[in-house]
Amino acid sequence: MEAADPLSRYNGGFTRYDFLQSSDIQDLNIDCGLLLLMAFWSGPAAMALQTVCRAFSRSSIPDHFCFRVLDVDGVPRPVIEELIARSGLASHGYGEGYWFRDGQIFAAERCHTITEARILELLSEATRT
């Protein structure tokens, strides 16, 4: 029997993501997509995931777009330090999102206050060729 998705109570039925409970540096290798840090103990992180999933469920997400969710408690310090070095945004449990285009972070935001319009703008920017 397959284990239940721990994000199911937040995702509103949107399930097109990779969820990793533990991670390593290579999990930051995203050509085009969003890496979201999920802190299960944080209301703002839950709000961030809900908002992103709602926006994505109302959009046409290209097949090559990667939406990866990492359990922040399973992210080792070197991975967090690498995210900070690449983006300048540290994790504080607010559902930090790191947007990738051409393998590089082009935007980093605390997603607990992000609007659906801003998510769609970033999605468009990430997938622009």
C-alpha atoms as a PDB file:
ATOM      1  CA  MET A   1       0.000   0.000   0.000  1.00  0.00           C
ATOM      2  CA  GLU A   2       1.350   3.402  -1.005  1.00  0.00           C
ATOM      3  CA  ALA A   3       1.789   6.015   1.723  1.00  0.00           C
ATOM      4  CA  ALA A   4      -0.556   9.002   1.655  1.00  0.00           C
ATOM      5  CA  ASP A   5       0.814  12.213   0.186  1.00  0.00           C
ATOM      6  CA  PRO A   6       1.609  14.489   3.151  1.00  0.00           C
ATOM      7  CA  LEU A   7       0.799  17.515   0.968  1.00  0.00           C
ATOM      8  CA  SER A   8      -2.726  16.331   0.134  1.00  0.00           C
ATOM      9  CA  ARG A   9      -4.351  18.429   2.852  1.00  0.00           C
ATOM     10  CA  TYR A  10      -2.868  21.584   1.278  1.00  0.00           C
ATOM     11  CA  ASN A  11      -2.789  20.935  -2.478  1.00  0.00           C
ATOM     12  CA  GLY A  12      -6.494  21.325  -3.308  1.00  0.00           C
ATOM     13  CA  GLY A  13      -6.279  18.280  -5.556  1.00  0.00           C
ATOM     14  CA  PHE A  14      -3.346  19.575  -7.635  1.00  0.00           C
ATOM     15  CA  THR A  15      -0.718  16.831  -7.608  1.00  0.00           C
ATOM     16  CA  ARG A  16       1.690  17.650 -10.419  1.00  0.00           C
ATOM     17  CA  TYR A  17       4.760  18.068  -8.223  1.00  0.00           C
ATOM     18  CA  ASP A  18       7.707  16.109  -6.926  1.00  0.00           C
ATOM     19  CA  PHE A  19       7.720  15.959  -3.129  1.00  0.00           C
ATOM     20  CA  LEU A  20      10.961  15.070  -1.368  1.00  0.00           C
ATOM     21  CA  GLN A  21      11.112  14.526   2.385  1.00  0.00           C
ATOM     22  CA  SER A  22      14.899  14.618   2.274  1.00  0.00           C
ATOM     23  CA  SER A  23      17.123  16.270  -0.269  1.00  0.00           C
ATOM     24  CA  ASP A  24      20.625  16.838  -1.510  1.00  0.00           C
ATOM     25  CA  ILE A  25      22.438  19.428  -3.638  1.00  0.00           C
ATOM     26  CA  GLN A  26      21.464  17.678  -6.882  1.00  0.00           C
ATOM     27  CA  ASP A  27      17.790  18.307  -6.054  1.00  0.00           C
ATOM     28  CA  LEU A  28      18.517  21.968  -6.815  1.00  0.00           C
ATOM     29  CA  ASN A  29      19.215  21.040 -10.442  1.00  0.00           C
ATOM     30  CA  ILE A  30      16.081  22.386 -12.078  1.00  0.00           C
ATOM     31  CA  ASP A  31      16.164  23.709 -15.614  1.00  0.00           C
ATOM     32  CA  CYS A  32      12.720  25.320 -15.557  1.00  0.00           C
ATOM     33  CA  GLY A  33      10.458  25.339 -12.552  1.00  0.00           C
ATOM     34  CA  LEU A  34       9.706  26.207  -8.963  1.00  0.00           C
ATOM     35  CA  LEU A  35      11.373  24.814  -5.865  1.00  0.00           C
ATOM     36  CA  LEU A  36       9.174  25.400  -2.814  1.00  0.00           C
ATOM     37  CA  LEU A  37      10.318  24.802   0.753  1.00  0.00           C
ATOM     38  CA  MET A  38       7.491  23.358   2.849  1.00  0.00           C
ATOM     39  CA  ALA A  39       7.597  23.670   6.625  1.00  0.00           C
ATOM     40  CA  PHE A  40       4.791  21.461   7.943  1.00  0.00           C
ATOM     41  CA  TRP A  41       4.868  23.281  11.283  1.00  0.00           C
ATOM     42  CA  SER A  42       4.216  26.662   9.630  1.00  0.00           C
ATOM     43  CA  GLY A  43       0.854  28.207   8.775  1.00  0.00           C
ATOM     44  CA  PRO A  44       2.465  30.600   6.261  1.00  0.00           C
ATOM     45  CA  ALA A  45       4.143  27.672   4.441  1.00  0.00           C
ATOM     46  CA  ALA A  46       0.787  25.867   4.210  1.00  0.00           C
ATOM     47  CA  MET A  47      -0.751  29.057   2.790  1.00  0.00           C
ATOM     48  CA  ALA A  48       2.084  29.298   0.266  1.00  0.00           C
ATOM     49  CA  LEU A  49       1.562  25.745  -0.980  1.00  0.00           C
ATOM     50  CA  GLN A  50      -2.213  26.233  -1.181  1.00  0.00           C
ATOM     51  CA  THR A  51      -1.862  29.437  -3.201  1.00  0.00           C
ATOM     52  CA  VAL A  52       0.704  27.997  -5.615  1.00  0.00           C
ATOM     53  CA  CYS A  53      -1.316  24.799  -6.160  1.00  0.00           C
ATOM     54  CA  ARG A  54      -4.519  26.807  -6.708  1.00  0.00           C
ATOM     55  CA  ALA A  55      -2.819  29.051  -9.280  1.00  0.00           C
ATOM     56  CA  PHE A  56      -1.202  26.100 -11.055  1.00  0.00           C
ATOM     57  CA  SER A  57      -4.471  24.164 -11.156  1.00  0.00           C
ATOM     58  CA  ARG A  58      -6.063  27.083 -13.033  1.00  0.00           C
ATOM     59  CA  SER A  59      -3.202  27.314 -15.530  1.00  0.00           C
ATOM     60  CA  SER A  60      -1.726  25.365 -18.351  1.00  0.00           C
ATOM     61  CA  ILE A  61       1.581  24.127 -16.992  1.00  0.00           C
ATOM     62  CA  PRO A  62       4.064  23.121 -19.722  1.00  0.00           C
ATOM     63  CA  ASP A  63       5.328  19.540 -19.522  1.00  0.00           C
ATOM     64  CA  HIS A  64       8.934  20.678 -19.066  1.00  0.00           C
ATOM     65  CA  PHE A  65       8.080  22.768 -15.967  1.00  0.00           C
ATOM     66  CA  CYS A  66       9.236  21.122 -12.726  1.00  0.00           C
ATOM     67  CA  PHE A  67       7.394  21.902  -9.488  1.00  0.00           C
ATOM     68  CA  ARG A  68       9.471  20.430  -6.663  1.00  0.00           C
ATOM     69  CA  VAL A  69       8.482  20.662  -3.005  1.00  0.00           C
ATOM     70  CA  LEU A  70      11.075  19.961  -0.329  1.00  0.00           C
ATOM     71  CA  ASP A  71      10.279  19.263   3.315  1.00  0.00           C
ATOM     72  CA  VAL A  72      12.381  21.983   4.925  1.00  0.00           C
ATOM     73  CA  ASP A  73      13.106  19.726   7.911  1.00  0.00           C
ATOM     74  CA  GLY A  74      14.769  17.231   5.553  1.00  0.00           C
ATOM     75  CA  VAL A  75      16.960  19.804   3.811  1.00  0.00           C
ATOM     76  CA  PRO A  76      20.555  19.627   5.040  1.00  0.00           C
ATOM     77  CA  ARG A  77      22.417  22.811   5.903  1.00  0.00           C
ATOM     78  CA  PRO A  78      24.673  22.729   2.776  1.00  0.00           C
ATOM     79  CA  VAL A  79      21.575  22.757   0.545  1.00  0.00           C
ATOM     80  CA  ILE A  80      20.089  25.730   2.426  1.00  0.00           C
ATOM     81  CA  GLU A  81      23.431  27.554   2.193  1.00  0.00           C
ATOM     82  CA  GLU A  82      23.555  26.898  -1.551  1.00  0.00           C
ATOM     83  CA  LEU A  83      20.032  28.299  -1.990  1.00  0.00           C
ATOM     84  CA  ILE A  84      21.005  31.419  -0.046  1.00  0.00           C
ATOM     85  CA  ALA A  85      24.199  31.813  -2.116  1.00  0.00           C
ATOM     86  CA  ARG A  86      22.269  31.487  -5.382  1.00  0.00           C
ATOM     87  CA  SER A  87      19.283  33.649  -4.446  1.00  0.00           C
ATOM     88  CA  GLY A  88      19.946  35.737  -1.348  1.00  0.00           C
ATOM     89  CA  LEU A  89      16.737  34.403   0.264  1.00  0.00           C
ATOM     90  CA  ALA A  90      17.084  32.380   3.449  1.00  0.00           C
ATOM     91  CA  SER A  91      14.473  29.922   4.658  1.00  0.00           C
ATOM     92  CA  HIS A  92      12.442  30.920   7.689  1.00  0.00           C
ATOM     93  CA  GLY A  93       9.434  28.634   7.210  1.00  0.00           C
ATOM     94  CA  TYR A  94       7.321  31.012   5.110  1.00  0.00           C
ATOM     95  CA  GLY A  95       7.072  28.778   2.055  1.00  0.00           C
ATOM     96  CA  GLU A  96      10.070  30.205   0.259  1.00  0.00           C
ATOM     97  CA  GLY A  97       9.938  29.690  -3.489  1.00  0.00           C
ATOM     98  CA  TYR A  98      12.893  29.667  -5.858  1.00  0.00           C
ATOM     99  CA  TRP A  99      11.979  30.114  -9.537  1.00  0.00           C
ATOM    100  CA  PHE A 100      14.305  28.644 -12.176  1.00  0.00           C
ATOM    101  CA  ARG A 101      14.839  29.421 -15.840  1.00  0.00           C
ATOM    102  CA  ASP A 102      17.730  27.941 -17.841  1.00  0.00           C
ATOM    103  CA  GLY A 103      18.999  26.217 -14.691  1.00  0.00           C
ATOM    104  CA  GLN A 104      19.408  29.478 -12.745  1.00  0.00           C
ATOM    105  CA  ILE A 105      17.297  31.078 -10.015  1.00  0.00           C
ATOM    106  CA  PHE A 106      15.810  34.248 -11.474  1.00  0.00           C
ATOM    107  CA  ALA A 107      13.394  35.049  -8.627  1.00  0.00           C
ATOM    108  CA  ALA A 108      13.078  34.077  -4.981  1.00  0.00           C
ATOM    109  CA  GLU A 109      10.054  34.993  -2.904  1.00  0.00           C
ATOM    110  CA  ARG A 110       8.317  34.147   0.327  1.00  0.00           C
ATOM    111  CA  CYS A 111       5.198  32.642  -1.185  1.00  0.00           C
ATOM    112  CA  HIS A 112       2.875  32.964   1.804  1.00  0.00           C
ATOM    113  CA  THR A 113       1.825  36.438   0.646  1.00  0.00           C
ATOM    114  CA  ILE A 114       2.230  35.971  -3.092  1.00  0.00           C
ATOM    115  CA  THR A 115      -0.798  36.533  -5.299  1.00  0.00           C
ATOM    116  CA  GLU A 116      -2.034  34.130  -7.947  1.00  0.00           C
ATOM    117  CA  ALA A 117      -1.380  36.841 -10.536  1.00  0.00           C
ATOM    118  CA  ARG A 118       2.270  37.042  -9.438  1.00  0.00           C
ATOM    119  CA  ILE A 119       2.581  33.245  -9.562  1.00  0.00           C
ATOM    120  CA  LEU A 120       1.298  33.229 -13.134  1.00  0.00           C
ATOM    121  CA  GLU A 121       3.696  36.054 -14.035  1.00  0.00           C
ATOM    122  CA  LEU A 122       6.624  34.041 -12.640  1.00  0.00           C
ATOM    123  CA  LEU A 123       5.388  30.900 -14.374  1.00  0.00           C
ATOM    124  CA  SER A 124       5.337  32.792 -17.672  1.00  0.00           C
ATOM    125  CA  GLU A 125       8.836  34.139 -17.026  1.00  0.00           C
ATOM    126  CA  ALA A 126      10.172  30.677 -16.135  1.00  0.00           C
ATOM    127  CA  THR A 127       8.770  29.064 -19.263  1.00  0.00           C
ATOM    128  CA  ARG A 128       9.626  31.861 -21.699  1.00  0.00           C
ATOM    129  CA  THR A 129      11.946  30.664 -24.449  1.00  0.00           C
END
